[in-house]
Amino acid sequence: MKILPSIAFNDFSGSAGNVTARKTGDKTYLSTRTKHSKKKTTYQAAIRCRFADTTRGYSKITEEQRQGWISLAKNLGSYHTSTGKTSITGHNLFVAINSYRKICGKPQTAIAPSQLRPSDYIRLDDWWLSPEHIVFTGLGERANKNEVLYVEMYPTQSPAESKCWDKTVLVAIIPTTDWGDIDLTRAFIEKFGAPLTIGQKVFIKICWLDSECGYIKYYSLIVREAQEASIERNVPYFPRAKITLDDLYKYDKDFRIERFDLELSPRPKLVSNDIIISQGENYDEYLIHFGFDTNEKMDVMDIGLSYQFGRDAIGYQVMFIEFQIATVSYLKRINIYSRSIVCFHERTELFGSYFLTV
């Protein structure tokens, strides 16, 4: 901004072209008008498209359905804003609920729900904000099966930035946690194009949101600077020792795996399984896996043995299973033997936690 004597612009105020003038005392202050970018980002286009589709949906519902939304809106009562006391309309409520449904991957609903569920706070055990890992652990169980984790984030571009809650954008909708953990590393990089840097401040809004009839009301606010160690316990990140269906070698045999979720605990040495074997006809089978790379920082045993229970998923006959797992780089194999007269059926379940011996 440039300050000039009030001569050429005497008593002048307003704008001319890209110049704006305002008179204070005997001086006129000149400044250039801000030019707004006309570029539309992919994220902005998606938001506008989603809002437009939802708004048009209201005009297509029946009068009876419309009255249902109006009645539900009246039951919510009024609330105070900066402009005074107001209440939400049936149209706005329709748009709000269906916008959240669309974010969660649900189809638009024309019928007003019997009740609305406000979002809820989360609780954490520990979490990491680092260039390599953005991970939350110990999130606990969902209040109901329809809840998803709603996560907004904003990484500051300057140390001077503060109070940036209005800049957070949706990063991920997490349908289920991985045994109480969520990994946002990939979603963050896809959204912002680069990983965090040490010392960079991050603003996070996160909550449980009912995907059927939920709306954002209560949420946890987190702001911290990125660091290598975890935020709560100041410990380095160690990936959990687990093997999933994606870590198994696929081969064409009668022994097939429908579901596979295995986790090892180093202290005490435990194995936890959630496995479904389908179309198996043999008593003794083995699987080759690619889990637990030698360069990963995992504290697991090379070879472990446990005796477990399984059951036929149809007749619920109990099976006695000998379960062996080898994690060394030259022998990555899981052996599953039936040690009872009941053999593997068309669909056999293995589940639970068991001690491992060498």
Protein backbone atom coordinates (compact mmCIF):
# COMPACT_ATOMS: atom_id res chain seq x y z
CA MET A 1 0.00 0.00 0.00
CA LYS A 2 1.30 3.44 -0.94
CA ILE A 3 0.48 6.74 0.86
CA LEU A 4 0.08 9.91 -1.24
CA PRO A 5 -0.90 13.48 -0.39
CA SER A 6 -4.53 14.24 -1.14
CA ILE A 7 -3.99 16.20 -4.37
CA ALA A 8 -4.80 14.16 -7.48
CA PHE A 9 -7.15 12.00 -5.45
CA ASN A 10 -8.66 14.75 -3.31
CA ASP A 11 -11.88 13.49 -1.66
CA PHE A 12 -11.70 10.38 -3.82
CA SER A 13 -12.68 7.00 -2.45
CA GLY A 14 -13.69 3.78 -4.11
CA SER A 15 -12.15 1.76 -6.89
CA ALA A 16 -10.94 2.51 -10.39
CA GLY A 17 -9.67 -0.44 -12.36
CA ASN A 18 -7.42 -2.44 -10.05
CA VAL A 19 -6.80 0.51 -7.68
CA THR A 20 -8.79 1.14 -4.52
CA ALA A 21 -8.55 4.45 -2.65
CA ARG A 22 -9.75 5.52 0.78
CA LYS A 23 -9.30 8.93 2.39
CA THR A 24 -8.21 9.30 6.02
CA GLY A 25 -7.59 12.84 7.24
CA ASP A 26 -5.58 14.72 4.67
CA LYS A 27 -4.12 11.62 3.11
CA THR A 28 -5.42 9.10 0.62
CA TYR A 29 -4.40 5.46 0.86
CA LEU A 30 -4.08 3.54 -2.40
CA SER A 31 -3.99 -0.20 -2.75
CA THR A 32 -4.42 -2.76 -5.51
CA ARG A 33 -7.46 -4.96 -5.48
CA THR A 34 -6.92 -8.63 -4.79
CA LYS A 35 -7.30 -10.89 -7.79
CA HIS A 36 -8.92 -14.22 -7.10
CA SER A 37 -7.75 -17.30 -8.97
CA LYS A 38 -10.32 -18.70 -11.37
CA LYS A 39 -8.81 -22.15 -11.24
CA LYS A 40 -11.09 -24.90 -9.98
CA THR A 41 -9.37 -27.75 -8.18
CA THR A 42 -10.55 -31.33 -8.45
CA TYR A 43 -11.57 -31.25 -4.78
CA GLN A 44 -13.64 -28.06 -5.26
CA ALA A 45 -15.34 -29.52 -8.34
CA ALA A 46 -16.25 -32.70 -6.46
CA ILE A 47 -17.73 -30.72 -3.54
CA ARG A 48 -19.82 -28.53 -5.85
CA CYS A 49 -21.03 -31.51 -7.87
CA ARG A 50 -21.99 -33.41 -4.72
CA PHE A 51 -23.90 -30.43 -3.34
CA ALA A 52 -25.71 -29.79 -6.64
CA ASP A 53 -26.75 -33.43 -6.99
CA THR A 54 -28.09 -33.52 -3.44
CA THR A 55 -30.01 -30.26 -3.86
CA ARG A 56 -31.65 -31.49 -7.06
CA GLY A 57 -32.64 -34.67 -5.23
CA TYR A 58 -34.94 -32.70 -2.92
CA SER A 59 -37.05 -31.47 -5.85
CA LYS A 60 -37.66 -35.05 -6.96
CA ILE A 61 -39.09 -36.45 -3.73
CA THR A 62 -42.84 -36.67 -3.08
CA GLU A 63 -44.78 -34.18 -0.97
CA GLU A 64 -45.27 -36.82 1.73
CA GLN A 65 -41.52 -37.42 1.88
CA ARG A 66 -40.90 -33.66 1.95
CA GLN A 67 -43.21 -33.27 4.93
CA GLY A 68 -41.22 -35.96 6.72
CA TRP A 69 -38.05 -33.87 6.42
CA ILE A 70 -39.89 -30.70 7.47
CA SER A 71 -41.31 -32.45 10.54
CA LEU A 72 -37.88 -33.80 11.50
CA ALA A 73 -36.35 -30.34 11.12
CA LYS A 74 -38.99 -28.81 13.42
CA ASN A 75 -38.21 -31.40 16.09
CA LEU A 76 -34.60 -30.23 16.16
CA GLY A 77 -35.74 -26.85 17.48
CA SER A 78 -33.94 -23.53 17.05
CA TYR A 79 -30.36 -22.46 17.69
CA HIS A 80 -28.42 -19.20 17.95
CA THR A 81 -26.14 -17.84 15.24
CA SER A 82 -24.27 -14.57 14.77
CA THR A 83 -27.35 -13.14 13.08
CA GLY A 84 -29.83 -14.25 15.73
CA LYS A 85 -32.07 -17.18 16.52
CA THR A 86 -32.89 -19.47 13.63
CA SER A 87 -33.94 -23.03 12.79
CA ILE A 88 -33.00 -25.48 10.05
CA THR A 89 -35.43 -26.07 7.19
CA GLY A 90 -36.52 -29.44 5.85
CA HIS A 91 -34.65 -28.72 2.61
CA ASN A 92 -31.40 -27.87 4.39
CA LEU A 93 -31.71 -30.96 6.60
CA PHE A 94 -32.24 -33.16 3.53
CA VAL A 95 -29.13 -31.70 1.90
CA ALA A 96 -27.03 -32.00 5.08
CA ILE A 97 -27.85 -35.64 5.87
CA ASN A 98 -27.59 -36.81 2.26
CA SER A 99 -24.30 -34.95 1.79
CA TYR A 100 -22.81 -36.89 4.69
CA ARG A 101 -24.33 -40.12 3.34
CA LYS A 102 -22.69 -39.52 -0.03
CA ILE A 103 -19.31 -38.81 1.60
CA CYS A 104 -19.65 -42.17 3.38
CA GLY A 105 -20.49 -43.99 0.13
CA LYS A 106 -24.20 -44.38 0.89
CA PRO A 107 -26.98 -43.76 -1.65
CA GLN A 108 -29.25 -40.77 -1.31
CA THR A 109 -32.34 -41.35 0.80
CA ALA A 110 -35.68 -39.69 0.07
CA ILE A 111 -37.24 -40.79 3.35
CA ALA A 112 -36.35 -38.87 6.50
CA PRO A 113 -34.69 -41.13 9.12
CA SER A 114 -36.50 -41.90 12.34
CA GLN A 115 -33.68 -40.25 14.27
CA LEU A 116 -30.47 -38.30 13.68
CA ARG A 117 -27.17 -39.25 15.27
CA PRO A 118 -24.61 -36.52 16.00
CA SER A 119 -20.95 -37.36 15.46
CA ASP A 120 -18.91 -38.36 18.50
CA TYR A 121 -15.44 -37.78 19.92
CA ILE A 122 -12.65 -40.34 19.63
CA ARG A 123 -10.13 -41.62 22.16
CA LEU A 124 -6.52 -42.54 21.38
CA ASP A 125 -3.88 -44.76 22.94
CA ASP A 126 -0.92 -43.37 20.97
CA TRP A 127 -0.28 -41.75 17.59
CA TRP A 128 2.48 -40.79 15.18
CA LEU A 129 2.82 -37.67 13.01
CA SER A 130 6.03 -38.13 11.03
CA PRO A 131 7.20 -37.99 7.40
CA GLU A 132 6.98 -41.79 7.17
CA HIS A 133 3.92 -42.57 9.30
CA ILE A 134 0.63 -40.94 10.21
CA VAL A 135 -0.90 -43.62 12.42
CA PHE A 136 -3.45 -43.61 15.25
CA THR A 137 -3.69 -46.57 17.64
CA GLY A 138 -6.18 -47.66 20.28
CA LEU A 139 -9.29 -46.04 18.84
CA GLY A 140 -11.55 -48.58 20.49
CA GLU A 141 -14.80 -50.04 19.26
CA ARG A 142 -17.51 -48.31 17.26
CA ALA A 143 -20.76 -47.48 19.04
CA ASN A 144 -22.70 -49.13 16.20
CA LYS A 145 -21.90 -50.94 12.95
CA ASN A 146 -22.83 -47.93 10.79
CA GLU A 147 -20.16 -45.65 12.22
CA VAL A 148 -17.12 -44.64 10.20
CA LEU A 149 -14.13 -42.49 11.07
CA TYR A 150 -14.33 -39.03 9.51
CA VAL A 151 -10.92 -37.31 9.23
CA GLU A 152 -10.11 -33.75 8.14
CA MET A 153 -6.54 -32.39 8.13
CA TYR A 154 -4.51 -29.33 7.23
CA PRO A 155 -0.67 -29.13 7.23
CA THR A 156 0.46 -25.54 7.77
CA GLN A 157 2.72 -23.97 5.17
CA SER A 158 4.36 -21.53 7.58
CA PRO A 159 5.31 -21.66 11.29
CA ALA A 160 3.37 -18.40 11.72
CA GLU A 161 0.04 -20.00 10.78
CA SER A 162 -2.36 -20.51 13.67
CA LYS A 163 -6.07 -21.18 14.25
CA CYS A 164 -6.42 -22.96 10.92
CA TRP A 165 -9.53 -25.01 11.72
CA ASP A 166 -11.38 -23.43 8.80
CA LYS A 167 -8.71 -24.73 6.39
CA THR A 168 -9.01 -28.43 7.16
CA VAL A 169 -10.27 -30.63 4.31
CA LEU A 170 -11.60 -34.17 4.22
CA VAL A 171 -8.72 -36.64 3.94
CA ALA A 172 -10.35 -40.01 4.55
CA ILE A 173 -13.47 -41.91 5.53
CA ILE A 174 -12.37 -45.07 7.34
CA PRO A 175 -15.09 -47.78 7.32
CA THR A 176 -13.35 -50.00 9.88
CA THR A 177 -10.21 -49.86 11.98
CA ASP A 178 -7.47 -52.47 11.83
CA TRP A 179 -7.89 -53.86 15.35
CA GLY A 180 -8.21 -50.31 16.68
CA ASP A 181 -5.53 -48.76 14.43
CA ILE A 182 -5.78 -46.51 11.37
CA ASP A 183 -2.98 -45.61 8.95
CA LEU A 184 -3.53 -42.26 7.19
CA THR A 185 -0.09 -41.99 5.56
CA ARG A 186 -1.16 -42.80 1.99
CA ALA A 187 -4.41 -40.81 2.20
CA PHE A 188 -2.51 -37.75 3.47
CA ILE A 189 0.04 -37.83 0.63
CA GLU A 190 -2.69 -38.35 -1.97
CA LYS A 191 -4.55 -35.32 -0.64
CA PHE A 192 -1.66 -32.89 -0.11
CA GLY A 193 0.91 -34.23 -2.57
CA ALA A 194 3.85 -34.50 -0.16
CA PRO A 195 4.68 -36.08 3.21
CA LEU A 196 5.02 -34.12 6.43
CA THR A 197 8.29 -32.52 7.45
CA ILE A 198 9.66 -32.53 10.99
CA GLY A 199 8.32 -29.53 12.90
CA GLN A 200 5.43 -28.92 10.50
CA LYS A 201 2.21 -28.15 12.36
CA VAL A 202 -0.87 -30.22 11.54
CA PHE A 203 -4.51 -29.43 12.34
CA ILE A 204 -6.79 -32.49 12.59
CA LYS A 205 -10.56 -32.86 13.00
CA ILE A 206 -11.62 -36.45 13.62
CA CYS A 207 -14.82 -38.08 14.84
CA TRP A 208 -17.07 -41.13 14.64
CA LEU A 209 -19.85 -40.45 12.11
CA ASP A 210 -22.95 -42.58 11.55
CA SER A 211 -22.99 -43.22 7.80
CA GLU A 212 -26.77 -43.78 7.73
CA CYS A 213 -28.18 -40.78 9.60
CA GLY A 214 -25.24 -38.90 11.12
CA TYR A 215 -24.14 -35.29 11.00
CA ILE A 216 -21.06 -33.46 12.27
CA LYS A 217 -21.58 -31.99 15.75
CA TYR A 218 -19.03 -33.31 18.26
CA TYR A 219 -15.47 -33.94 17.10
CA SER A 220 -11.96 -34.17 18.49
CA LEU A 221 -9.56 -31.33 17.62
CA ILE A 222 -5.84 -32.10 17.47
CA VAL A 223 -2.98 -29.76 16.61
CA ARG A 224 0.63 -30.91 16.93
CA GLU A 225 3.97 -30.59 15.19
CA ALA A 226 5.32 -33.56 13.28
CA GLN A 227 8.07 -35.55 15.01
CA GLU A 228 9.75 -38.91 14.57
CA ALA A 229 8.60 -40.51 17.83
CA SER A 230 5.01 -41.04 18.95
CA ILE A 231 3.13 -38.14 20.52
CA GLU A 232 1.98 -39.81 23.75
CA ARG A 233 4.81 -42.20 24.67
CA ASN A 234 7.69 -40.77 22.63
CA VAL A 235 8.57 -44.17 21.14
CA PRO A 236 9.58 -45.04 17.54
CA TYR A 237 7.06 -46.57 15.18
CA PHE A 238 7.06 -50.35 14.85
CA PRO A 239 4.63 -51.92 12.38
CA ARG A 240 2.45 -54.60 13.89
CA ALA A 241 3.56 -58.14 13.15
CA LYS A 242 0.66 -59.36 11.03
CA ILE A 243 -0.12 -61.38 7.94
CA THR A 244 -3.24 -60.76 5.86
CA LEU A 245 -4.73 -62.37 2.79
CA ASP A 246 -2.64 -60.06 0.59
CA ASP A 247 0.56 -61.50 2.13
CA LEU A 248 -0.19 -65.09 1.06
CA TYR A 249 1.17 -66.74 -2.05
CA LYS A 250 -1.73 -67.61 -4.34
CA TYR A 251 -1.58 -71.10 -5.75
CA ASP A 252 -4.19 -73.30 -7.39
CA LYS A 253 -4.97 -76.09 -4.93
CA ASP A 254 -8.06 -77.45 -3.23
CA PHE A 255 -6.93 -75.77 -0.03
CA ARG A 256 -8.21 -72.18 -0.41
CA ILE A 257 -8.35 -69.27 2.00
CA GLU A 258 -11.49 -67.14 2.20
CA ARG A 259 -10.31 -64.91 5.05
CA PHE A 260 -6.92 -64.56 6.71
CA ASP A 261 -5.99 -62.15 9.50
CA LEU A 262 -3.09 -63.20 11.74
CA GLU A 263 -1.13 -61.18 14.28
CA LEU A 264 1.89 -62.05 16.42
CA SER A 265 2.69 -60.54 19.80
CA PRO A 266 6.35 -60.72 20.94
CA ARG A 267 5.78 -60.40 24.71
CA PRO A 268 4.12 -62.65 25.65
CA LYS A 269 4.50 -64.75 22.50
CA LEU A 270 0.94 -65.04 21.20
CA VAL A 271 -0.69 -65.65 17.86
CA SER A 272 -4.19 -64.31 17.14
CA ASN A 273 -6.11 -65.74 14.21
CA ASP A 274 -9.24 -64.95 12.25
CA ILE A 275 -9.10 -67.45 9.39
CA ILE A 276 -11.65 -69.16 7.16
CA ILE A 277 -10.47 -72.10 5.03
CA SER A 278 -12.84 -72.98 2.22
CA GLN A 279 -13.01 -76.03 -0.05
CA GLY A 280 -10.26 -77.87 1.75
CA GLU A 281 -10.21 -81.65 1.45
CA ASN A 282 -6.82 -82.63 2.88
CA TYR A 283 -5.84 -83.15 6.50
CA ASP A 284 -2.46 -81.41 6.30
CA GLU A 285 -1.82 -78.21 4.39
CA TYR A 286 0.67 -75.36 4.29
CA LEU A 287 0.71 -71.77 3.09
CA ILE A 288 3.59 -69.65 1.84
CA HIS A 289 3.56 -66.03 3.00
CA PHE A 290 5.47 -62.82 2.27
CA GLY A 291 5.01 -61.16 5.66
CA PHE A 292 7.66 -59.86 8.07
CA ASP A 293 10.37 -58.63 5.69
CA THR A 294 13.86 -58.80 7.17
CA ASN A 295 14.28 -55.01 6.88
CA GLU A 296 11.19 -54.35 8.99
CA LYS A 297 11.67 -53.54 12.68
CA MET A 298 9.58 -56.36 14.10
CA ASP A 299 10.31 -58.35 17.22
CA VAL A 300 8.91 -61.78 16.32
CA MET A 301 10.18 -65.31 16.68
CA ASP A 302 11.61 -67.21 13.70
CA ILE A 303 9.49 -70.32 14.24
CA GLY A 304 6.46 -70.84 16.47
CA LEU A 305 4.07 -73.68 17.32
CA SER A 306 0.61 -73.55 18.89
CA TYR A 307 -2.36 -75.87 19.37
CA GLN A 308 -5.67 -74.30 18.55
CA PHE A 309 -9.34 -75.02 18.15
CA GLY A 310 -11.25 -74.72 14.91
CA ARG A 311 -14.76 -75.59 13.84
CA ASP A 312 -16.80 -76.52 10.83
CA ALA A 313 -18.67 -73.35 9.87
CA ILE A 314 -21.75 -75.34 8.83
CA GLY A 315 -22.16 -78.14 11.38
CA TYR A 316 -20.01 -76.47 14.07
CA GLN A 317 -17.99 -79.64 14.72
CA VAL A 318 -14.96 -78.80 16.85
CA MET A 319 -11.48 -79.46 15.40
CA PHE A 320 -8.11 -79.72 17.14
CA ILE A 321 -5.50 -77.86 15.06
CA GLU A 322 -1.71 -77.89 15.14
CA PHE A 323 -0.57 -74.49 13.88
CA GLN A 324 3.07 -73.81 12.89
CA ILE A 325 4.44 -70.53 11.58
CA ALA A 326 7.94 -69.78 10.24
CA THR A 327 8.96 -66.18 9.58
CA VAL A 328 12.64 -66.50 8.60
CA SER A 329 13.49 -65.15 5.14
CA TYR A 330 14.39 -68.56 3.64
CA LEU A 331 11.34 -70.39 5.06
CA LYS A 332 8.16 -68.32 5.21
CA ARG A 333 5.58 -70.99 5.72
CA ILE A 334 2.41 -71.58 7.74
CA ASN A 335 1.49 -75.22 8.36
CA ILE A 336 -2.02 -76.16 9.47
CA TYR A 337 -2.66 -79.75 10.54
CA SER A 338 -5.85 -81.38 11.75
CA ARG A 339 -5.04 -83.51 14.82
CA SER A 340 -8.58 -84.83 15.31
CA ILE A 341 -10.83 -87.24 13.48
CA VAL A 342 -12.69 -84.24 12.06
CA CYS A 343 -11.04 -83.17 8.80
CA PHE A 344 -11.21 -79.83 7.03
CA HIS A 345 -14.70 -79.20 5.74
CA GLU A 346 -16.06 -77.05 2.95
CA ARG A 347 -15.76 -74.05 5.27
CA THR A 348 -13.61 -74.25 8.39
CA GLU A 349 -13.02 -71.43 10.88
CA LEU A 350 -9.91 -70.85 13.01
CA PHE A 351 -10.12 -68.04 15.55
CA GLY A 352 -8.82 -66.90 18.92
CA SER A 353 -5.50 -66.13 20.64
CA TYR A 354 -3.02 -68.83 21.64
CA PHE A 355 0.45 -69.09 23.21
CA LEU A 356 3.35 -69.90 20.89
CA THR A 357 6.20 -72.26 21.74
CA VAL A 358 9.38 -72.86 19.78
